[in-house]
Structures are given as structure tokens and as C-alpha cells.
Amino acid sequence: MPDVAVSIEQVSKRFRLYHEHTKSLKERMIRAGRNSYEEFYALRDVSIDVHRGETFGLFGHNGSGKSTLLKCVAGTLRPTTGRITSTGRMAALLELGAGMHPELTGRENIYMNGSILGLSRIDVDRVFDDIVGFAELEQFVDLQLKHYSSGMAARLGFGVAVHVDPEILLIDEVLSVGDESFQRKCLERIKHFQREGRTIFVVTHAADTIRQIGTRAAVLDQGHLLYVGDPGEAVRSLRDSLMRRGVAVPDEGDGADGVGASPLLGTVRFTNISVEGADGRSFVRPGDHLRITVDFEAEDRHDDLIVALNLNDDTGVLMVGVNSELLSGEALVVPAGPSRYVFDLGPLALGAGMYEVAVGLHNRAGVQYDQRMKAALLQVASNSRFIGRLHTPIEGELVPLGSRDQSNPRAS
């Protein structure tokens, strides 16, 4: 199989779920021979070939076994049965902080991970500055990892993984961590790897990302492989799986399936979205303030909820994009039941025209709960002083440079 980078052959992974915890040696002796656990299969007879040079996506409902499978490929877990083989140097980005030691500094972790991946200290020296610069951690590289935020740890891990010259890159959800500019940087590096013909195996909830850059994708459900093939068909297969579980997902054509048509889990749902201009007007003028109120209801408590807002013009171009985490620096903690989030915008720099308000609910891992791509329409009234989509305060004046229209003095 010369074109196969990762071969997964009939892999199963079994765990033991213990229900009783013995507290003493006496209890252990009394219970000897009696099973106080049940066997749970996270994976059952999964077979996938990931071809050299392709970007392969893996989807699945929470608990479907996708992260377990990637850990088996990375070698951090051993399959109970089956076999996994790979060809080429592999770098893995699993859960946050995987492969990193919290008591070591960022600098020490870089060298440790390079050594684990088979690089000499001289090899790491050559790429050290590139890793730190990519991760944007110049000021913090000598700080212990335990003092890093989750985003800083993810940036360091990604920086190491993409600079150790991997032939196979494994990624598990960490692309959803970090600000938008860093996520763009990561995607650009992945596209660079694609152009170089490297193999990328990614677990993600961001179906739109895989549909844009993925070659093929697979769907897991309760440890079973449901589908392998076209990324778009994989998304539909996942949608069907969620609906069989009774999870609320919108119809594909109803315009509410969100950015990239990511599958929606429906455990948090919008109940009302309202848009209100100054003095309660239904329209705004350039420079006005705008309030967008988002009401939603959660089935249970959520500790990492994010409310997102986009304003798109009438051609679909994104004009404003923001979310609650970008505004406050942290995700929302919301109780079960109804909640409200208010966006206050202004002074608005939008030009005259109609704009679509889009809102979304998701968590830090990228799991989409609910989305409304056309939640409301916003009308911005015209201003005769300027044209175009962007209204920014501008002043103008004529600056005298001196007159050339002067008579030559007569010679006396």
C-alpha cells in the first residue's frame, strides 16, 4: 500500500467502567473475584486508510470515539484489538497540554517535544525562533506552562507541531482555541502543508472547515464507522445520525443551519432576537448606536457558552463579526432555563443599505448549538455626505501652497 500514510485495520478499544471503589484491603479481599465494572467499547472494528497527501476529517457526536481513535493513531492509547500502521514522521496535537509538562517553561517544553519527535538539540535550535514567533509567545517563553492560558498552550503546541517537519499531522479540535487571527494563521499553515503534499488527519466539529480544505472525511457513531468519503456527504451522514438520536437539527435548506452548515446539537436554542436603533427606531443612521438582544434557553447548565454575532451586507459579505468571548475574554456560564445576551454597537460605521443579522450559539470546542443566518434585517438610512459601505469620520480643507499668479516687478 505505497499510497497509504495511516492504515487502521479493524481497530477496537475497550475500557472498563468501575462502579464501586474499595477503600481498604479487607474490602478488596471480600470482593475478590467479583467484577465491579462493566466493559465499554469506545471503538468497534474501525477500518480506515488515510492516503498520503490528503487532508482527512473525522466527525462524530460527542462520545462517538473520534478522539479515542486519534489517540490510538498517535500511539498514546493502544488498541484492544486490530492494528494501526503509519509511514513517516508524525506530530500530534491532541487535547490542550498533551505532551507538555506544566512545571517546565515554554522553552523547555519546545526542546523536550522536539526530542520526543526525534530532533536533536541543534535541529530544534534552527526552528526555535520560528516556533516562538508563530505562537506569539516571545514575552512568555521562559514562563512555566502551568501559568499559560489554554490559548497560549494551544499556540505553543501548534507551533511545535508544524515546525518539526512532520510528514503526518494529527489535530484534535485545538484549532478552535485562540483568537481569529491565530486560527487564520493555523489554517494558512495547514494549506501550506497541503501544497507540500503532507498528510493531515483532523478531528473537528467545524464541518465548514473540512468541506473547504478536506479531501475525504469519516463519521463515527458510538464507536462504529458510519461513512467514509466525500466531506459533504459525511456531514449529511452525521446529520442523519443526530436526528436518529432525537437531537434537534434544522433542515438543510431552511437558511438557519449556520456557517458552513455545521450540525447543530440543539441543547441551547434561540427564543428571540430583536434589533433596536436609537430612540426605539426600526432603522439607524451612520454614527447611531444599535442594540441587538439575543434571548435563548438551555436545557441544562453550560460552562463554556459563546454567543456570536455577524452583520452581512446584501451580497453576503461579512461587515461585522464578534462574539461574547472576544468581548469579555472568557466564555459564558449560563444556568438551565432562559438567558439573555445584549450586544451594544456604535457608533456604527456602516454605509446605507440593508444588512442581515446572523447569530450563533457554540462552545469553545466548536460545537454548534443553534444558529440563525437571517435572524433579522437592519436598515441603515442614507447619508448624502458620503457613499460606500464604510462610514468613517472625515474632514477636508484646502491647504494653501502659495499663489503663482503674481506680476513680475518692473525693473527700475
Protein backbone atom coordinates (compact mmCIF):
# COMPACT_ATOMS: atom_id res chain seq x y z
CA MET A 1 0.00 0.00 0.00
CA PRO A 2 2.53 2.61 -1.11
CA ASP A 3 -0.04 5.45 -1.13
CA VAL A 4 -1.35 4.85 2.41
CA ALA A 5 0.06 7.09 5.15
CA VAL A 6 -2.08 5.71 8.01
CA SER A 7 -3.72 2.28 7.92
CA ILE A 8 -6.36 1.50 10.57
CA GLU A 9 -7.38 -2.17 10.41
CA GLN A 10 -10.36 -3.49 12.42
CA VAL A 11 -9.45 -1.44 15.48
CA SER A 12 -11.47 -1.80 18.68
CA LYS A 13 -10.79 -0.11 22.01
CA ARG A 14 -12.31 -1.38 25.24
CA PHE A 15 -12.39 0.44 28.58
CA ARG A 16 -13.50 -0.72 31.99
CA LEU A 17 -16.02 1.46 33.79
CA TYR A 18 -15.75 0.87 37.55
CA HIS A 19 -18.88 1.40 39.63
CA GLU A 20 -17.59 0.57 43.11
CA HIS A 21 -14.43 1.87 44.74
CA THR A 22 -12.93 -0.26 47.51
CA LYS A 23 -11.43 1.74 50.33
CA SER A 24 -9.43 -0.92 52.14
CA LEU A 25 -7.50 -4.13 51.60
CA LYS A 26 -10.21 -6.02 53.52
CA GLU A 27 -12.89 -4.86 51.06
CA ARG A 28 -10.72 -5.93 48.15
CA MET A 29 -10.28 -9.41 49.60
CA ILE A 30 -14.01 -9.72 50.29
CA ARG A 31 -14.87 -8.63 46.75
CA ALA A 32 -12.13 -10.70 45.13
CA GLY A 33 -13.37 -12.48 42.05
CA ARG A 34 -16.44 -10.28 41.66
CA ASN A 35 -16.48 -7.77 38.84
CA SER A 36 -17.33 -4.27 39.98
CA TYR A 37 -17.02 -2.86 36.49
CA GLU A 38 -18.57 -3.10 33.06
CA GLU A 39 -16.79 -3.16 29.74
CA PHE A 40 -17.34 -0.25 27.39
CA TYR A 41 -16.26 -0.20 23.75
CA ALA A 42 -15.25 3.27 22.53
CA LEU A 43 -14.34 1.81 19.12
CA ARG A 44 -15.62 -1.30 17.35
CA ASP A 45 -13.92 -2.79 14.27
CA VAL A 46 -12.98 0.53 12.66
CA SER A 47 -11.05 0.32 9.39
CA ILE A 48 -9.83 3.44 7.54
CA ASP A 49 -6.98 4.10 5.12
CA VAL A 50 -5.71 7.69 5.12
CA HIS A 51 -3.85 8.29 1.88
CA ARG A 52 -0.55 10.11 1.66
CA GLY A 53 -1.01 13.82 0.93
CA GLU A 54 -4.71 14.05 1.77
CA THR A 55 -6.50 16.05 4.47
CA PHE A 56 -8.82 13.62 6.22
CA GLY A 57 -11.58 14.82 8.57
CA LEU A 58 -13.23 12.81 11.33
CA PHE A 59 -16.71 13.78 12.58
CA GLY A 60 -18.96 12.39 15.24
CA HIS A 61 -21.38 13.14 18.05
CA ASN A 62 -19.84 13.75 21.49
CA GLY A 63 -18.67 10.38 22.80
CA SER A 64 -18.58 8.77 19.36
CA GLY A 65 -14.94 7.66 19.75
CA LYS A 66 -13.22 10.06 17.37
CA SER A 67 -10.68 11.41 19.88
CA THR A 68 -10.00 7.87 21.11
CA LEU A 69 -9.24 6.81 17.54
CA LEU A 70 -6.83 9.70 17.00
CA LYS A 71 -5.03 8.86 20.26
CA CYS A 72 -4.65 5.29 19.04
CA VAL A 73 -3.16 6.58 15.79
CA ALA A 74 -0.82 8.86 17.76
CA GLY A 75 0.26 5.96 19.97
CA THR A 76 -0.90 7.44 23.27
CA LEU A 77 -3.52 4.66 23.51
CA ARG A 78 -3.09 1.03 22.48
CA PRO A 79 -5.99 -0.62 20.60
CA THR A 80 -7.57 -3.59 22.35
CA THR A 81 -7.74 -5.42 19.03
CA GLY A 82 -6.74 -4.54 15.48
CA ARG A 83 -3.68 -2.87 14.05
CA ILE A 84 -2.57 0.66 13.13
CA THR A 85 0.44 1.34 10.91
CA SER A 86 1.86 4.61 9.63
CA THR A 87 4.72 5.75 7.43
CA GLY A 88 6.62 8.97 8.07
CA ARG A 89 7.34 11.28 10.99
CA MET A 90 4.18 12.07 12.91
CA ALA A 91 3.31 15.13 15.02
CA ALA A 92 0.15 15.08 17.13
CA LEU A 93 -1.94 17.92 18.54
CA LEU A 94 -4.37 16.22 20.87
CA GLU A 95 -6.11 17.78 23.89
CA LEU A 96 -4.70 21.01 25.33
CA GLY A 97 -1.37 20.49 27.02
CA ALA A 98 -0.87 16.93 25.71
CA GLY A 99 2.84 16.19 25.55
CA MET A 100 3.66 19.30 27.59
CA HIS A 101 4.91 19.38 31.19
CA PRO A 102 3.25 22.08 33.31
CA GLU A 103 6.31 22.56 35.54
CA LEU A 104 8.61 23.23 32.58
CA THR A 105 8.89 26.56 30.81
CA GLY A 106 7.74 27.10 27.25
CA ARG A 107 11.39 26.97 26.14
CA GLU A 108 12.00 23.67 27.93
CA ASN A 109 8.81 22.16 26.53
CA ILE A 110 9.86 23.05 23.00
CA TYR A 111 13.15 21.19 23.37
CA MET A 112 11.51 18.27 25.16
CA ASN A 113 8.89 17.82 22.43
CA GLY A 114 11.50 18.15 19.72
CA SER A 115 13.49 15.37 21.37
CA ILE A 116 10.39 13.15 21.61
CA LEU A 117 9.83 13.65 17.89
CA GLY A 118 13.40 12.60 17.13
CA LEU A 119 15.03 16.00 16.65
CA SER A 120 18.47 16.84 18.00
CA ARG A 121 19.05 19.98 20.05
CA ILE A 122 20.74 21.54 17.01
CA ASP A 123 17.64 20.77 14.91
CA VAL A 124 15.42 22.49 17.48
CA ASP A 125 17.83 25.45 17.68
CA ARG A 126 17.27 26.05 13.95
CA VAL A 127 13.48 26.36 14.32
CA PHE A 128 13.22 27.68 17.89
CA ASP A 129 12.71 31.34 16.95
CA ASP A 130 10.17 30.35 14.27
CA ILE A 131 8.18 28.31 16.81
CA VAL A 132 8.10 31.12 19.37
CA GLY A 133 7.25 33.73 16.77
CA PHE A 134 4.47 31.62 15.26
CA ALA A 135 3.00 31.01 18.72
CA GLU A 136 3.30 34.72 19.56
CA LEU A 137 4.89 33.88 22.92
CA GLU A 138 8.12 35.88 22.80
CA GLN A 139 7.45 37.51 26.17
CA PHE A 140 6.34 34.28 27.87
CA VAL A 141 8.67 31.58 26.56
CA ASP A 142 10.54 31.37 29.88
CA LEU A 143 7.35 31.17 31.94
CA GLN A 144 6.22 27.81 33.33
CA LEU A 145 3.49 26.21 31.27
CA LYS A 146 1.18 25.98 34.28
CA HIS A 147 0.86 29.75 34.13
CA TYR A 148 -0.20 29.72 30.45
CA SER A 149 -3.79 30.23 29.41
CA SER A 150 -5.44 27.49 27.35
CA GLY A 151 -4.96 29.58 24.21
CA MET A 152 -1.25 30.11 24.91
CA ALA A 153 -0.72 26.38 25.49
CA ALA A 154 -2.55 25.55 22.25
CA ARG A 155 -0.47 28.07 20.30
CA LEU A 156 2.75 26.60 21.68
CA GLY A 157 1.66 23.06 20.84
CA PHE A 158 0.66 24.00 17.31
CA GLY A 159 3.87 25.98 16.82
CA VAL A 160 5.98 22.97 17.78
CA ALA A 161 3.96 20.50 15.70
CA VAL A 162 4.15 22.46 12.45
CA HIS A 163 7.85 23.32 12.73
CA VAL A 164 9.29 19.85 13.36
CA ASP A 165 8.87 18.89 9.70
CA PRO A 166 6.10 16.28 10.14
CA GLU A 167 5.01 14.10 7.25
CA ILE A 168 1.76 13.29 9.11
CA LEU A 169 -0.03 15.88 11.27
CA LEU A 170 -2.76 14.79 13.72
CA ILE A 171 -5.08 17.52 15.04
CA ASP A 172 -7.85 17.10 17.62
CA GLU A 173 -10.07 20.20 17.99
CA VAL A 174 -7.27 22.56 19.05
CA LEU A 175 -7.86 24.81 16.04
CA SER A 176 -10.93 26.16 17.80
CA VAL A 177 -8.73 27.70 20.54
CA GLY A 178 -7.21 31.15 20.10
CA ASP A 179 -8.33 34.35 18.50
CA GLU A 180 -9.49 34.66 14.91
CA SER A 181 -6.14 35.91 13.60
CA PHE A 182 -4.29 32.92 15.07
CA GLN A 183 -6.88 30.48 13.69
CA ARG A 184 -6.33 32.03 10.25
CA LYS A 185 -2.58 31.60 10.69
CA CYS A 186 -3.08 27.93 11.56
CA LEU A 187 -5.29 27.35 8.52
CA GLU A 188 -2.73 29.04 6.28
CA ARG A 189 -0.02 26.74 7.62
CA ILE A 190 -2.26 23.73 7.01
CA LYS A 191 -2.85 24.88 3.42
CA HIS A 192 0.93 25.24 3.06
CA PHE A 193 1.31 21.64 4.24
CA GLN A 194 -1.32 20.57 1.72
CA ARG A 195 0.62 22.20 -1.11
CA GLU A 196 3.70 20.29 0.05
CA GLY A 197 1.78 17.02 -0.11
CA ARG A 198 1.77 16.25 3.62
CA THR A 199 -0.89 14.14 5.29
CA ILE A 200 -3.31 15.78 7.75
CA PHE A 201 -5.74 13.83 9.96
CA VAL A 202 -8.08 16.16 11.85
CA VAL A 203 -10.89 15.64 14.37
CA THR A 204 -13.24 18.61 14.42
CA HIS A 205 -16.82 19.83 14.86
CA ALA A 206 -16.17 22.57 12.29
CA ALA A 207 -17.75 20.89 9.28
CA ASP A 208 -17.32 24.01 7.16
CA THR A 209 -13.53 23.86 7.58
CA ILE A 210 -13.28 20.26 6.38
CA ARG A 211 -15.65 20.92 3.49
CA GLN A 212 -13.36 23.74 2.38
CA ILE A 213 -9.96 22.08 2.80
CA GLY A 214 -10.69 18.37 3.29
CA THR A 215 -10.15 15.63 0.72
CA ARG A 216 -12.23 12.96 2.46
CA ALA A 217 -14.00 12.53 5.79
CA ALA A 218 -15.40 9.80 8.02
CA VAL A 219 -18.24 9.66 10.55
CA LEU A 220 -18.19 7.68 13.80
CA ASP A 221 -21.28 6.86 15.85
CA GLN A 222 -20.99 5.06 19.21
CA GLY A 223 -17.65 3.66 18.13
CA HIS A 224 -18.90 2.34 14.79
CA LEU A 225 -17.79 3.67 11.41
CA LEU A 226 -20.84 5.01 9.55
CA TYR A 227 -19.35 6.60 6.45
CA VAL A 228 -16.07 7.29 4.62
CA GLY A 229 -15.93 9.51 1.55
CA ASP A 230 -16.88 12.99 0.38
CA PRO A 231 -16.84 15.60 3.23
CA GLY A 232 -20.25 16.98 2.24
CA GLU A 233 -21.81 13.52 2.35
CA ALA A 234 -20.10 12.94 5.68
CA VAL A 235 -21.84 15.99 7.13
CA ARG A 236 -25.20 14.71 5.91
CA SER A 237 -24.45 11.29 7.38
CA LEU A 238 -23.69 12.93 10.73
CA ARG A 239 -26.90 14.94 10.50
CA ASP A 240 -28.90 11.75 9.94
CA SER A 241 -27.17 10.14 12.92
CA LEU A 242 -28.04 13.09 15.18
CA MET A 243 -31.66 13.03 14.06
CA ARG A 244 -31.89 9.30 14.84
CA ARG A 245 -30.71 10.18 18.35
CA GLY A 246 -33.52 12.73 18.65
CA VAL A 247 -31.17 15.74 18.56
CA ALA A 248 -32.83 18.82 17.03
CA VAL A 249 -31.16 19.85 13.78
CA PRO A 250 -32.55 22.28 11.19
CA ASP A 251 -33.44 21.33 7.65
CA GLU A 252 -30.56 21.82 5.22
CA GLY A 253 -32.43 24.33 3.15
CA ASP A 254 -34.06 26.47 5.79
CA GLY A 255 -31.29 29.04 5.93
CA ALA A 256 -30.76 28.51 9.63
CA ASP A 257 -28.11 25.83 9.53
CA GLY A 258 -25.34 28.28 10.24
CA VAL A 259 -21.88 28.97 8.97
CA GLY A 260 -20.83 26.13 6.73
CA ALA A 261 -23.92 24.10 7.65
CA SER A 262 -22.31 22.66 10.81
CA PRO A 263 -24.52 20.12 12.56
CA LEU A 264 -26.43 21.60 15.49
CA LEU A 265 -26.81 19.86 18.83
CA GLY A 266 -29.87 21.84 19.92
CA THR A 267 -29.32 21.71 23.70
CA VAL A 268 -29.33 25.52 23.71
CA ARG A 269 -31.84 27.27 21.43
CA PHE A 270 -32.66 30.82 20.46
CA THR A 271 -36.07 32.02 21.55
CA ASN A 272 -36.00 35.62 20.31
CA ILE A 273 -33.69 38.10 18.54
CA SER A 274 -34.53 41.80 18.44
CA VAL A 275 -32.80 44.77 16.81
CA GLU A 276 -33.41 48.29 18.09
CA GLY A 277 -31.94 51.58 16.92
CA ALA A 278 -31.71 54.90 18.74
CA ASP A 279 -34.99 56.02 20.35
CA GLY A 280 -36.54 52.65 19.52
CA ARG A 281 -36.41 53.24 15.74
CA SER A 282 -36.51 50.28 13.38
CA PHE A 283 -33.68 51.80 11.33
CA VAL A 284 -30.39 53.52 12.10
CA ARG A 285 -28.24 56.20 10.52
CA PRO A 286 -24.46 56.14 10.15
CA GLY A 287 -22.98 57.07 13.52
CA ASP A 288 -26.00 55.87 15.53
CA HIS A 289 -25.89 53.29 18.28
CA LEU A 290 -27.58 49.91 17.90
CA ARG A 291 -28.74 47.30 20.39
CA ILE A 292 -29.19 43.62 19.44
CA THR A 293 -30.84 41.49 22.12
CA VAL A 294 -30.46 37.73 21.98
CA ASP A 295 -32.74 35.52 24.09
CA PHE A 296 -32.01 31.79 24.38
CA GLU A 297 -32.87 28.81 26.56
CA ALA A 298 -30.59 26.00 27.76
CA GLU A 299 -31.73 22.51 28.68
CA ASP A 300 -29.01 22.31 31.33
CA ARG A 301 -26.10 24.34 32.72
CA HIS A 302 -23.32 25.30 30.28
CA ASP A 303 -19.88 26.46 31.48
CA ASP A 304 -18.35 27.50 28.15
CA LEU A 305 -21.09 29.04 26.01
CA ILE A 306 -20.29 31.65 23.37
CA VAL A 307 -22.83 33.94 21.67
CA ALA A 308 -21.72 35.05 18.19
CA LEU A 309 -22.95 37.94 16.04
CA ASN A 310 -22.36 38.72 12.36
CA LEU A 311 -23.64 41.59 10.22
CA ASN A 312 -23.59 40.78 6.49
CA ASP A 313 -24.37 43.14 3.66
CA ASP A 314 -26.95 42.33 0.97
CA THR A 315 -24.31 40.48 -1.09
CA GLY A 316 -23.36 38.21 1.82
CA VAL A 317 -20.07 39.95 2.64
CA LEU A 318 -19.25 39.94 6.36
CA MET A 319 -19.09 43.53 7.62
CA VAL A 320 -19.01 42.97 11.40
CA GLY A 321 -18.08 39.80 13.31
CA VAL A 322 -17.83 39.49 17.07
CA ASN A 323 -18.71 37.12 19.90
CA SER A 324 -19.11 37.22 23.66
CA GLU A 325 -15.71 35.61 24.32
CA LEU A 326 -13.87 38.18 22.20
CA LEU A 327 -15.63 40.96 24.11
CA SER A 328 -15.02 39.67 27.64
CA GLY A 329 -12.05 37.34 27.24
CA GLU A 330 -13.93 34.34 28.62
CA ALA A 331 -16.82 32.04 27.80
CA LEU A 332 -20.24 32.45 29.43
CA VAL A 333 -21.54 30.34 32.31
CA VAL A 334 -25.30 30.03 31.92
CA PRO A 335 -27.80 28.09 34.05
CA ALA A 336 -30.54 25.85 32.77
CA GLY A 337 -33.51 27.88 31.56
CA PRO A 338 -33.85 31.23 29.80
CA SER A 339 -30.99 33.74 29.44
CA ARG A 340 -30.38 36.99 27.58
CA TYR A 341 -27.27 38.48 25.99
CA VAL A 342 -27.17 42.07 24.69
CA PHE A 343 -24.79 43.46 22.05
CA ASP A 344 -24.42 47.26 22.11
CA LEU A 345 -22.88 48.54 18.89
CA GLY A 346 -21.87 52.03 17.96
CA PRO A 347 -21.23 54.50 16.74
CA LEU A 348 -21.99 52.48 13.59
CA ALA A 349 -19.57 52.85 10.70
CA LEU A 350 -21.86 51.15 8.17
CA GLY A 351 -22.99 52.83 4.99
CA ALA A 352 -26.53 52.99 3.71
CA GLY A 353 -28.24 49.73 2.80
CA MET A 354 -29.84 46.56 4.15
CA TYR A 355 -27.86 44.23 6.38
CA GLU A 356 -28.63 40.71 7.63
CA VAL A 357 -28.15 39.90 11.30
CA ALA A 358 -26.77 36.40 11.94
CA VAL A 359 -26.35 34.89 15.39
CA GLY A 360 -24.96 31.62 16.72
CA LEU A 361 -24.51 29.65 19.94
CA HIS A 362 -21.47 27.39 20.32
CA ASN A 363 -18.81 26.35 22.81
CA ARG A 364 -15.03 26.64 22.83
CA ALA A 365 -14.62 23.24 21.18
CA GLY A 366 -16.63 24.49 18.19
CA VAL A 367 -19.80 22.52 18.96
CA GLN A 368 -22.71 24.39 17.39
CA TYR A 369 -25.93 24.50 19.41
CA ASP A 370 -28.12 26.85 17.37
CA GLN A 371 -27.72 29.37 14.54
CA ARG A 372 -29.88 31.88 12.69
CA MET A 373 -28.29 33.15 9.49
CA LYS A 374 -31.13 35.59 8.81
CA ALA A 375 -32.30 36.38 12.32
CA ALA A 376 -33.27 39.98 11.45
CA LEU A 377 -32.81 42.73 8.88
CA LEU A 378 -31.11 46.03 9.66
CA GLN A 379 -31.74 49.13 7.57
CA VAL A 380 -29.13 51.86 7.58
CA ALA A 381 -30.53 55.12 6.23
CA SER A 382 -28.59 57.08 3.62
CA ASN A 383 -26.29 59.94 4.35
CA SER A 384 -25.82 62.36 1.48
CA ARG A 385 -22.34 63.34 2.67
CA PHE A 386 -20.63 60.11 1.58
CA ILE A 387 -21.02 56.95 -0.50
CA GLY A 388 -19.82 53.40 0.02
CA ARG A 389 -20.18 50.68 2.67
CA LEU A 390 -17.84 52.17 5.26
CA HIS A 391 -18.67 55.38 7.06
CA THR A 392 -15.73 56.88 8.88
CA PRO A 393 -15.47 60.49 10.14
CA ILE A 394 -13.67 62.54 7.52
CA GLU A 395 -12.85 66.23 7.36
CA GLY A 396 -11.36 68.11 4.45
CA GLU A 397 -9.79 71.51 3.86
CA LEU A 398 -7.90 73.34 1.19
CA VAL A 399 -4.26 73.87 2.14
CA PRO A 400 -2.72 76.95 0.50
CA LEU A 401 0.55 76.18 -1.23
CA GLY A 402 1.26 79.78 -2.37
CA SER A 403 0.00 81.59 -5.49
CA ARG A 404 1.89 81.54 -8.74
CA ASP A 405 -0.37 84.22 -10.22
CA GLN A 406 1.81 87.22 -9.28
CA SER A 407 3.02 90.06 -11.53
CA ASN A 408 6.74 90.34 -12.10
CA PRO A 409 8.09 93.60 -10.61
CA ARG A 410 9.24 96.09 -13.18
CA ALA A 411 12.93 96.86 -13.35
CA SER A 412 13.70 100.43 -12.36
